[in-house]
Amino acid sequence: MTLASVYPLVSSRAVARPFTYEVANEVGKGAVVAIRFGRRAARGVVVETDVAAPPGIVIAPVERVLYVLPPALVDLALWLADYYGSTPARALEP
């Protein structure tokens, strides 16, 4: 198991930042995963792997991989969200 930065795909800008989750070794950038986010289930996109654990935090595992996006699309969505003051979830909406 490895640690990854995962952006939750929620529309609230208050939580538009990466959180650390435990993923299987074969999971890479662009994987859309099912996560527990607070008290509810959500989707998240892996933006980086092999990250360090924040001190004093219990790391939760992802539940499963739902599908995979091209890493270039994830980079574009993060740039769009930052440039336009939005969230990655809104940038990745169909």
PDB file of N, CA and C in Angstrom:
ATOM      1  N   MET A   1       0.841  -1.174   0.000  1.00  0.00           N
ATOM      2  CA  MET A   1       0.000   0.000   0.000  1.00  0.00           C
ATOM      3  C   MET A   1       0.891   1.245   0.000  1.00  0.00           C
ATOM      4  N   THR A   2       0.377   2.271  -0.653  1.00  0.00           N
ATOM      5  CA  THR A   2       1.098   3.530  -0.756  1.00  0.00           C
ATOM      6  C   THR A   2       0.138   4.665  -0.422  1.00  0.00           C
ATOM      7  N   LEU A   3       0.656   5.834  -0.169  1.00  0.00           N
ATOM      8  CA  LEU A   3      -0.169   7.004   0.138  1.00  0.00           C
ATOM      9  C   LEU A   3      -0.299   7.887  -1.096  1.00  0.00           C
ATOM     10  N   ALA A   4      -1.483   8.496  -1.240  1.00  0.00           N
ATOM     11  CA  ALA A   4      -1.750   9.331  -2.407  1.00  0.00           C
ATOM     12  C   ALA A   4      -2.508  10.581  -1.989  1.00  0.00           C
ATOM     13  N   SER A   5      -2.300  11.664  -2.748  1.00  0.00           N
ATOM     14  CA  SER A   5      -3.092  12.880  -2.595  1.00  0.00           C
ATOM     15  C   SER A   5      -4.334  12.730  -3.452  1.00  0.00           C
ATOM     16  N   VAL A   6      -5.493  12.904  -2.833  1.00  0.00           N
ATOM     17  CA  VAL A   6      -6.772  12.717  -3.518  1.00  0.00           C
ATOM     18  C   VAL A   6      -7.609  13.978  -3.349  1.00  0.00           C
ATOM     19  N   TYR A   7      -8.056  14.560  -4.473  1.00  0.00           N
ATOM     20  CA  TYR A   7      -8.995  15.684  -4.437  1.00  0.00           C
ATOM     21  C   TYR A   7     -10.401  15.105  -4.365  1.00  0.00           C
ATOM     22  N   PRO A   8     -11.168  15.429  -3.329  1.00  0.00           N
ATOM     23  CA  PRO A   8     -12.565  14.979  -3.316  1.00  0.00           C
ATOM     24  C   PRO A   8     -13.346  15.715  -4.404  1.00  0.00           C
ATOM     25  N   LEU A   9     -14.171  14.998  -5.123  1.00  0.00           N
ATOM     26  CA  LEU A   9     -14.963  15.606  -6.201  1.00  0.00           C
ATOM     27  C   LEU A   9     -16.278  16.110  -5.623  1.00  0.00           C
ATOM     28  N   VAL A  10     -16.158  17.205  -4.878  1.00  0.00           N
ATOM     29  CA  VAL A  10     -17.309  17.889  -4.294  1.00  0.00           C
ATOM     30  C   VAL A  10     -17.264  19.336  -4.763  1.00  0.00           C
ATOM     31  N   SER A  11     -18.411  19.990  -4.794  1.00  0.00           N
ATOM     32  CA  SER A  11     -18.473  21.340  -5.359  1.00  0.00           C
ATOM     33  C   SER A  11     -18.144  22.447  -4.362  1.00  0.00           C
ATOM     34  N   SER A  12     -17.927  22.136  -3.121  1.00  0.00           N
ATOM     35  CA  SER A  12     -17.626  23.146  -2.113  1.00  0.00           C
ATOM     36  C   SER A  12     -16.169  23.583  -2.203  1.00  0.00           C
ATOM     37  N   ARG A  13     -15.948  24.878  -2.334  1.00  0.00           N
ATOM     38  CA  ARG A  13     -14.575  25.386  -2.404  1.00  0.00           C
ATOM     39  C   ARG A  13     -13.865  25.282  -1.072  1.00  0.00           C
ATOM     40  N   ALA A  14     -14.621  25.156   0.021  1.00  0.00           N
ATOM     41  CA  ALA A  14     -14.019  25.067   1.342  1.00  0.00           C
ATOM     42  C   ALA A  14     -13.144  23.815   1.497  1.00  0.00           C
ATOM     43  N   VAL A  15     -13.445  22.778   0.752  1.00  0.00           N
ATOM     44  CA  VAL A  15     -12.670  21.537   0.835  1.00  0.00           C
ATOM     45  C   VAL A  15     -11.972  21.222  -0.484  1.00  0.00           C
ATOM     46  N   ALA A  16     -11.772  22.215  -1.315  1.00  0.00           N
ATOM     47  CA  ALA A  16     -11.114  22.022  -2.613  1.00  0.00           C
ATOM     48  C   ALA A  16      -9.600  22.007  -2.414  1.00  0.00           C
ATOM     49  N   ARG A  17      -9.148  20.928  -1.830  1.00  0.00           N
ATOM     50  CA  ARG A  17      -7.724  20.714  -1.605  1.00  0.00           C
ATOM     51  C   ARG A  17      -7.494  19.215  -1.512  1.00  0.00           C
ATOM     52  N   PRO A  18      -6.270  18.770  -1.704  1.00  0.00           N
ATOM     53  CA  PRO A  18      -6.030  17.325  -1.640  1.00  0.00           C
ATOM     54  C   PRO A  18      -6.000  16.824  -0.200  1.00  0.00           C
ATOM     55  N   PHE A  19      -6.455  15.590  -0.027  1.00  0.00           N
ATOM     56  CA  PHE A  19      -6.395  14.883   1.239  1.00  0.00           C
ATOM     57  C   PHE A  19      -5.602  13.604   1.000  1.00  0.00           C
ATOM     58  N   THR A  20      -5.002  13.074   2.047  1.00  0.00           N
ATOM     59  CA  THR A  20      -4.160  11.887   1.926  1.00  0.00           C
ATOM     60  C   THR A  20      -4.970  10.632   2.223  1.00  0.00           C
ATOM     61  N   TYR A  21      -4.887   9.662   1.316  1.00  0.00           N
ATOM     62  CA  TYR A  21      -5.546   8.367   1.461  1.00  0.00           C
ATOM     63  C   TYR A  21      -4.555   7.263   1.139  1.00  0.00           C
ATOM     64  N   GLU A  22      -4.839   6.078   1.640  1.00  0.00           N
ATOM     65  CA  GLU A  22      -4.031   4.907   1.337  1.00  0.00           C
ATOM     66  C   GLU A  22      -4.620   4.210   0.111  1.00  0.00           C
ATOM     67  N   VAL A  23      -3.776   3.918  -0.871  1.00  0.00           N
ATOM     68  CA  VAL A  23      -4.218   3.272  -2.110  1.00  0.00           C
ATOM     69  C   VAL A  23      -3.350   2.047  -2.385  1.00  0.00           C
ATOM     70  N   ALA A  24      -3.848   1.172  -3.235  1.00  0.00           N
ATOM     71  CA  ALA A  24      -3.056   0.018  -3.671  1.00  0.00           C
ATOM     72  C   ALA A  24      -1.874   0.509  -4.507  1.00  0.00           C
ATOM     73  N   ASN A  25      -0.830  -0.284  -4.554  1.00  0.00           N
ATOM     74  CA  ASN A  25       0.396   0.120  -5.264  1.00  0.00           C
ATOM     75  C   ASN A  25       0.176   0.393  -6.741  1.00  0.00           C
ATOM     76  N   GLU A  26      -0.779  -0.283  -7.378  1.00  0.00           N
ATOM     77  CA  GLU A  26      -0.990  -0.109  -8.818  1.00  0.00           C
ATOM     78  C   GLU A  26      -1.848   1.103  -9.171  1.00  0.00           C
ATOM     79  N   VAL A  27      -2.410   1.784  -8.184  1.00  0.00           N
ATOM     80  CA  VAL A  27      -3.245   2.973  -8.431  1.00  0.00           C
ATOM     81  C   VAL A  27      -2.331   4.153  -8.725  1.00  0.00           C
ATOM     82  N   GLY A  28      -2.653   4.894  -9.785  1.00  0.00           N
ATOM     83  CA  GLY A  28      -1.825   6.026 -10.178  1.00  0.00           C
ATOM     84  C   GLY A  28      -2.641   7.292 -10.370  1.00  0.00           C
ATOM     85  N   LYS A  29      -1.959   8.321 -10.838  1.00  0.00           N
ATOM     86  CA  LYS A  29      -2.593   9.616 -11.087  1.00  0.00           C
ATOM     87  C   LYS A  29      -3.714   9.443 -12.109  1.00  0.00           C
ATOM     88  N   GLY A  30      -4.862  10.036 -11.807  1.00  0.00           N
ATOM     89  CA  GLY A  30      -6.005   9.961 -12.706  1.00  0.00           C
ATOM     90  C   GLY A  30      -7.050   8.948 -12.289  1.00  0.00           C
ATOM     91  N   ALA A  31      -6.737   8.103 -11.323  1.00  0.00           N
ATOM     92  CA  ALA A  31      -7.718   7.122 -10.858  1.00  0.00           C
ATOM     93  C   ALA A  31      -8.823   7.841 -10.082  1.00  0.00           C
ATOM     94  N   VAL A  32     -10.059   7.578 -10.441  1.00  0.00           N
ATOM     95  CA  VAL A  32     -11.203   8.107  -9.699  1.00  0.00           C
ATOM     96  C   VAL A  32     -11.608   7.019  -8.717  1.00  0.00           C
ATOM     97  N   VAL A  33     -11.600   7.363  -7.432  1.00  0.00           N
ATOM     98  CA  VAL A  33     -11.787   6.370  -6.383  1.00  0.00           C
ATOM     99  C   VAL A  33     -12.989   6.712  -5.508  1.00  0.00           C
ATOM    100  N   ALA A  34     -13.564   5.680  -4.905  1.00  0.00           N
ATOM    101  CA  ALA A  34     -14.627   5.851  -3.917  1.00  0.00           C
ATOM    102  C   ALA A  34     -13.951   6.045  -2.563  1.00  0.00           C
ATOM    103  N   ILE A  35     -14.318   7.118  -1.862  1.00  0.00           N
ATOM    104  CA  ILE A  35     -13.703   7.436  -0.571  1.00  0.00           C
ATOM    105  C   ILE A  35     -14.776   7.731   0.461  1.00  0.00           C
ATOM    106  N   ARG A  36     -14.386   7.619   1.717  1.00  0.00           N
ATOM    107  CA  ARG A  36     -15.208   8.117   2.811  1.00  0.00           C
ATOM    108  C   ARG A  36     -14.722   9.539   3.049  1.00  0.00           C
ATOM    109  N   PHE A  37     -15.632  10.491   3.001  1.00  0.00           N
ATOM    110  CA  PHE A  37     -15.272  11.889   3.184  1.00  0.00           C
ATOM    111  C   PHE A  37     -16.173  12.445   4.273  1.00  0.00           C
ATOM    112  N   GLY A  38     -15.617  12.543   5.459  1.00  0.00           N
ATOM    113  CA  GLY A  38     -16.451  12.902   6.602  1.00  0.00           C
ATOM    114  C   GLY A  38     -17.378  11.733   6.905  1.00  0.00           C
ATOM    115  N   ARG A  39     -18.664  12.009   6.981  1.00  0.00           N
ATOM    116  CA  ARG A  39     -19.643  10.963   7.276  1.00  0.00           C
ATOM    117  C   ARG A  39     -20.308  10.401   6.025  1.00  0.00           C
ATOM    118  N   ARG A  40     -19.881  10.831   4.877  1.00  0.00           N
ATOM    119  CA  ARG A  40     -20.558  10.382   3.659  1.00  0.00           C
ATOM    120  C   ARG A  40     -19.580   9.779   2.665  1.00  0.00           C
ATOM    121  N   ALA A  41     -20.153   9.103   1.699  1.00  0.00           N
ATOM    122  CA  ALA A  41     -19.351   8.539   0.615  1.00  0.00           C
ATOM    123  C   ALA A  41     -19.207   9.588  -0.477  1.00  0.00           C
ATOM    124  N   ALA A  42     -18.061   9.607  -1.110  1.00  0.00           N
ATOM    125  CA  ALA A  42     -17.807  10.566  -2.192  1.00  0.00           C
ATOM    126  C   ALA A  42     -16.853   9.924  -3.188  1.00  0.00           C
ATOM    127  N   ARG A  43     -16.652  10.621  -4.293  1.00  0.00           N
ATOM    128  CA  ARG A  43     -15.638  10.242  -5.265  1.00  0.00           C
ATOM    129  C   ARG A  43     -14.474  11.205  -5.126  1.00  0.00           C
ATOM    130  N   GLY A  44     -13.301  10.731  -5.479  1.00  0.00           N
ATOM    131  CA  GLY A  44     -12.118  11.573  -5.464  1.00  0.00           C
ATOM    132  C   GLY A  44     -11.206  11.176  -6.603  1.00  0.00           C
ATOM    133  N   VAL A  45     -10.336  12.089  -7.002  1.00  0.00           N
ATOM    134  CA  VAL A  45      -9.392  11.787  -8.080  1.00  0.00           C
ATOM    135  C   VAL A  45      -7.971  11.857  -7.516  1.00  0.00           C
ATOM    136  N   VAL A  46      -7.187  10.836  -7.821  1.00  0.00           N
ATOM    137  CA  VAL A  46      -5.801  10.769  -7.373  1.00  0.00           C
ATOM    138  C   VAL A  46      -4.985  11.744  -8.210  1.00  0.00           C
ATOM    139  N   VAL A  47      -4.276  12.665  -7.535  1.00  0.00           N
ATOM    140  CA  VAL A  47      -3.472  13.657  -8.246  1.00  0.00           C
ATOM    141  C   VAL A  47      -1.973  13.439  -8.060  1.00  0.00           C
ATOM    142  N   GLU A  48      -1.604  12.615  -7.065  1.00  0.00           N
ATOM    143  CA  GLU A  48      -0.187  12.344  -6.820  1.00  0.00           C
ATOM    144  C   GLU A  48      -0.089  11.099  -5.948  1.00  0.00           C
ATOM    145  N   THR A  49       0.942  10.312  -6.183  1.00  0.00           N
ATOM    146  CA  THR A  49       1.180   9.133  -5.347  1.00  0.00           C
ATOM    147  C   THR A  49       2.530   9.257  -4.665  1.00  0.00           C
ATOM    148  N   ASP A  50       2.785   8.361  -3.747  1.00  0.00           N
ATOM    149  CA  ASP A  50       4.034   8.329  -2.976  1.00  0.00           C
ATOM    150  C   ASP A  50       4.263   9.630  -2.215  1.00  0.00           C
ATOM    151  N   VAL A  51       3.224  10.071  -1.500  1.00  0.00           N
ATOM    152  CA  VAL A  51       3.333  11.284  -0.689  1.00  0.00           C
ATOM    153  C   VAL A  51       3.596  10.891   0.758  1.00  0.00           C
ATOM    154  N   ALA A  52       4.053  11.839   1.541  1.00  0.00           N
ATOM    155  CA  ALA A  52       4.312  11.604   2.964  1.00  0.00           C
ATOM    156  C   ALA A  52       3.023  11.816   3.759  1.00  0.00           C
ATOM    157  N   ALA A  53       2.878  11.067   4.811  1.00  0.00           N
ATOM    158  CA  ALA A  53       1.697  11.193   5.671  1.00  0.00           C
ATOM    159  C   ALA A  53       1.823  12.446   6.535  1.00  0.00           C
ATOM    160  N   PRO A  54       0.737  13.221   6.665  1.00  0.00           N
ATOM    161  CA  PRO A  54       0.777  14.365   7.570  1.00  0.00           C
ATOM    162  C   PRO A  54       0.946  13.876   9.011  1.00  0.00           C
ATOM    163  N   PRO A  55       1.687  14.594   9.829  1.00  0.00           N
ATOM    164  CA  PRO A  55       1.896  14.133  11.209  1.00  0.00           C
ATOM    165  C   PRO A  55       0.596  14.144  12.009  1.00  0.00           C
ATOM    166  N   GLY A  56       0.402  13.085  12.790  1.00  0.00           N
ATOM    167  CA  GLY A  56      -0.737  13.018  13.696  1.00  0.00           C
ATOM    168  C   GLY A  56      -2.068  12.696  13.050  1.00  0.00           C
ATOM    169  N   ILE A  57      -2.075  12.268  11.799  1.00  0.00           N
ATOM    170  CA  ILE A  57      -3.319  11.985  11.085  1.00  0.00           C
ATOM    171  C   ILE A  57      -3.425  10.478  10.832  1.00  0.00           C
ATOM    172  N   VAL A  58      -4.612   9.924  11.094  1.00  0.00           N
ATOM    173  CA  VAL A  58      -4.871   8.525  10.758  1.00  0.00           C
ATOM    174  C   VAL A  58      -5.318   8.480   9.299  1.00  0.00           C
ATOM    175  N   ILE A  59      -4.601   7.727   8.485  1.00  0.00           N
ATOM    176  CA  ILE A  59      -4.867   7.677   7.050  1.00  0.00           C
ATOM    177  C   ILE A  59      -5.925   6.612   6.762  1.00  0.00           C
ATOM    178  N   ALA A  60      -6.960   6.996   6.039  1.00  0.00           N
ATOM    179  CA  ALA A  60      -8.031   6.078   5.650  1.00  0.00           C
ATOM    180  C   ALA A  60      -7.722   5.497   4.275  1.00  0.00           C
ATOM    181  N   PRO A  61      -8.120   4.256   4.035  1.00  0.00           N
ATOM    182  CA  PRO A  61      -7.923   3.682   2.701  1.00  0.00           C
ATOM    183  C   PRO A  61      -9.058   4.075   1.764  1.00  0.00           C
ATOM    184  N   VAL A  62      -8.779   4.084   0.459  1.00  0.00           N
ATOM    185  CA  VAL A  62      -9.851   4.266  -0.520  1.00  0.00           C
ATOM    186  C   VAL A  62     -10.668   2.978  -0.539  1.00  0.00           C
ATOM    187  N   GLU A  63     -11.929   3.078  -0.928  1.00  0.00           N
ATOM    188  CA  GLU A  63     -12.776   1.892  -0.949  1.00  0.00           C
ATOM    189  C   GLU A  63     -12.540   1.065  -2.212  1.00  0.00           C
ATOM    190  N   ARG A  64     -12.476   1.730  -3.377  1.00  0.00           N
ATOM    191  CA  ARG A  64     -12.211   1.016  -4.633  1.00  0.00           C
ATOM    192  C   ARG A  64     -11.958   2.035  -5.738  1.00  0.00           C
ATOM    193  N   VAL A  65     -11.370   1.563  -6.819  1.00  0.00           N
ATOM    194  CA  VAL A  65     -11.166   2.392  -8.006  1.00  0.00           C
ATOM    195  C   VAL A  65     -12.409   2.265  -8.870  1.00  0.00           C
ATOM    196  N   LEU A  66     -13.001   3.403  -9.249  1.00  0.00           N
ATOM    197  CA  LEU A  66     -14.205   3.404 -10.069  1.00  0.00           C
ATOM    198  C   LEU A  66     -13.875   3.397 -11.559  1.00  0.00           C
ATOM    199  N   TYR A  67     -12.972   4.281 -11.966  1.00  0.00           N
ATOM    200  CA  TYR A  67     -12.504   4.355 -13.347  1.00  0.00           C
ATOM    201  C   TYR A  67     -11.245   5.201 -13.369  1.00  0.00           C
ATOM    202  N   VAL A  68     -10.629   5.308 -14.523  1.00  0.00           N
ATOM    203  CA  VAL A  68      -9.363   6.039 -14.632  1.00  0.00           C
ATOM    204  C   VAL A  68      -9.481   7.111 -15.708  1.00  0.00           C
ATOM    205  N   LEU A  69      -9.015   8.311 -15.377  1.00  0.00           N
ATOM    206  CA  LEU A  69      -8.946   9.428 -16.321  1.00  0.00           C
ATOM    207  C   LEU A  69      -7.502   9.581 -16.789  1.00  0.00           C
ATOM    208  N   PRO A  70      -7.301  10.127 -17.979  1.00  0.00           N
ATOM    209  CA  PRO A  70      -5.925  10.400 -18.422  1.00  0.00           C
ATOM    210  C   PRO A  70      -5.265  11.425 -17.489  1.00  0.00           C
ATOM    211  N   PRO A  71      -4.016  11.197 -17.083  1.00  0.00           N
ATOM    212  CA  PRO A  71      -3.329  12.138 -16.197  1.00  0.00           C
ATOM    213  C   PRO A  71      -3.302  13.567 -16.746  1.00  0.00           C
ATOM    214  N   ALA A  72      -3.200  13.736 -18.059  1.00  0.00           N
ATOM    215  CA  ALA A  72      -3.190  15.084 -18.643  1.00  0.00           C
ATOM    216  C   ALA A  72      -4.519  15.796 -18.399  1.00  0.00           C
ATOM    217  N   LEU A  73      -5.629  15.064 -18.413  1.00  0.00           N
ATOM    218  CA  LEU A  73      -6.934  15.653 -18.139  1.00  0.00           C
ATOM    219  C   LEU A  73      -7.034  16.113 -16.684  1.00  0.00           C
ATOM    220  N   VAL A  74      -6.450  15.357 -15.784  1.00  0.00           N
ATOM    221  CA  VAL A  74      -6.430  15.743 -14.368  1.00  0.00           C
ATOM    222  C   VAL A  74      -5.616  17.024 -14.190  1.00  0.00           C
ATOM    223  N   ASP A  75      -4.453  17.100 -14.834  1.00  0.00           N
ATOM    224  CA  ASP A  75      -3.632  18.319 -14.765  1.00  0.00           C
ATOM    225  C   ASP A  75      -4.398  19.522 -15.308  1.00  0.00           C
ATOM    226  N   LEU A  76      -5.092  19.337 -16.423  1.00  0.00           N
ATOM    227  CA  LEU A  76      -5.878  20.425 -17.018  1.00  0.00           C
ATOM    228  C   LEU A  76      -7.004  20.859 -16.080  1.00  0.00           C
ATOM    229  N   ALA A  77      -7.693  19.909 -15.471  1.00  0.00           N
ATOM    230  CA  ALA A  77      -8.783  20.239 -14.544  1.00  0.00           C
ATOM    231  C   ALA A  77      -8.269  21.008 -13.334  1.00  0.00           C
ATOM    232  N   LEU A  78      -7.114  20.616 -12.809  1.00  0.00           N
ATOM    233  CA  LEU A  78      -6.535  21.345 -11.669  1.00  0.00           C
ATOM    234  C   LEU A  78      -6.153  22.763 -12.074  1.00  0.00           C
ATOM    235  N   TRP A  79      -5.589  22.918 -13.275  1.00  0.00           N
ATOM    236  CA  TRP A  79      -5.228  24.248 -13.747  1.00  0.00           C
ATOM    237  C   TRP A  79      -6.480  25.105 -13.940  1.00  0.00           C
ATOM    238  N   LEU A  80      -7.504  24.538 -14.598  1.00  0.00           N
ATOM    239  CA  LEU A  80      -8.754  25.282 -14.809  1.00  0.00           C
ATOM    240  C   LEU A  80      -9.375  25.716 -13.491  1.00  0.00           C
ATOM    241  N   ALA A  81      -9.416  24.808 -12.526  1.00  0.00           N
ATOM    242  CA  ALA A  81     -10.002  25.128 -11.223  1.00  0.00           C
ATOM    243  C   ALA A  81      -9.242  26.258 -10.548  1.00  0.00           C
ATOM    244  N   ASP A  82      -7.922  26.215 -10.617  1.00  0.00           N
ATOM    245  CA  ASP A  82      -7.113  27.263 -10.004  1.00  0.00           C
ATOM    246  C   ASP A  82      -7.271  28.590 -10.743  1.00  0.00           C
ATOM    247  N   TYR A  83      -7.198  28.567 -12.054  1.00  0.00           N
ATOM    248  CA  TYR A  83      -7.251  29.776 -12.864  1.00  0.00           C
ATOM    249  C   TYR A  83      -8.596  30.497 -12.743  1.00  0.00           C
ATOM    250  N   TYR A  84      -9.681  29.723 -12.746  1.00  0.00           N
ATOM    251  CA  TYR A  84     -11.016  30.315 -12.709  1.00  0.00           C
ATOM    252  C   TYR A  84     -11.626  30.345 -11.316  1.00  0.00           C
ATOM    253  N   GLY A  85     -10.860  29.990 -10.291  1.00  0.00           N
ATOM    254  CA  GLY A  85     -11.362  30.050  -8.925  1.00  0.00           C
ATOM    255  C   GLY A  85     -12.497  29.077  -8.670  1.00  0.00           C
ATOM    256  N   SER A  86     -12.394  27.913  -9.251  1.00  0.00           N
ATOM    257  CA  SER A  86     -13.447  26.904  -9.126  1.00  0.00           C
ATOM    258  C   SER A  86     -12.904  25.693  -8.383  1.00  0.00           C
ATOM    259  N   THR A  87     -13.513  24.546  -8.616  1.00  0.00           N
ATOM    260  CA  THR A  87     -13.065  23.301  -7.993  1.00  0.00           C
ATOM    261  C   THR A  87     -12.750  22.266  -9.072  1.00  0.00           C
ATOM    262  N   PRO A  88     -11.891  21.298  -8.766  1.00  0.00           N
ATOM    263  CA  PRO A  88     -11.643  20.230  -9.734  1.00  0.00           C
ATOM    264  C   PRO A  88     -12.912  19.468 -10.101  1.00  0.00           C
ATOM    265  N   ALA A  89     -13.839  19.323  -9.175  1.00  0.00           N
ATOM    266  CA  ALA A  89     -15.100  18.624  -9.469  1.00  0.00           C
ATOM    267  C   ALA A  89     -15.867  19.328 -10.574  1.00  0.00           C
ATOM    268  N   ARG A  90     -15.944  20.639 -10.516  1.00  0.00           N
ATOM    269  CA  ARG A  90     -16.652  21.392 -11.560  1.00  0.00           C
ATOM    270  C   ARG A  90     -15.902  21.341 -12.882  1.00  0.00           C
ATOM    271  N   ALA A  91     -14.570  21.338 -12.813  1.00  0.00           N
ATOM    272  CA  ALA A  91     -13.774  21.275 -14.047  1.00  0.00           C
ATOM    273  C   ALA A  91     -13.879  19.902 -14.705  1.00  0.00           C
ATOM    274  N   LEU A  92     -14.147  18.859 -13.944  1.00  0.00           N
ATOM    275  CA  LEU A  92     -14.241  17.507 -14.502  1.00  0.00           C
ATOM    276  C   LEU A  92     -15.668  17.074 -14.796  1.00  0.00           C
ATOM    277  N   GLU A  93     -16.650  17.956 -14.557  1.00  0.00           N
ATOM    278  CA  GLU A  93     -18.035  17.594 -14.849  1.00  0.00           C
ATOM    279  C   GLU A  93     -18.222  17.327 -16.336  1.00  0.00           C
ATOM    280  N   PRO A  94     -19.065  16.344 -16.674  1.00  0.00           N
ATOM    281  CA  PRO A  94     -19.326  16.079 -18.111  1.00  0.00           C
ATOM    282  C   PRO A  94     -20.167  17.163 -18.727  1.00  0.00           C
TER     283      PRO A  94
END
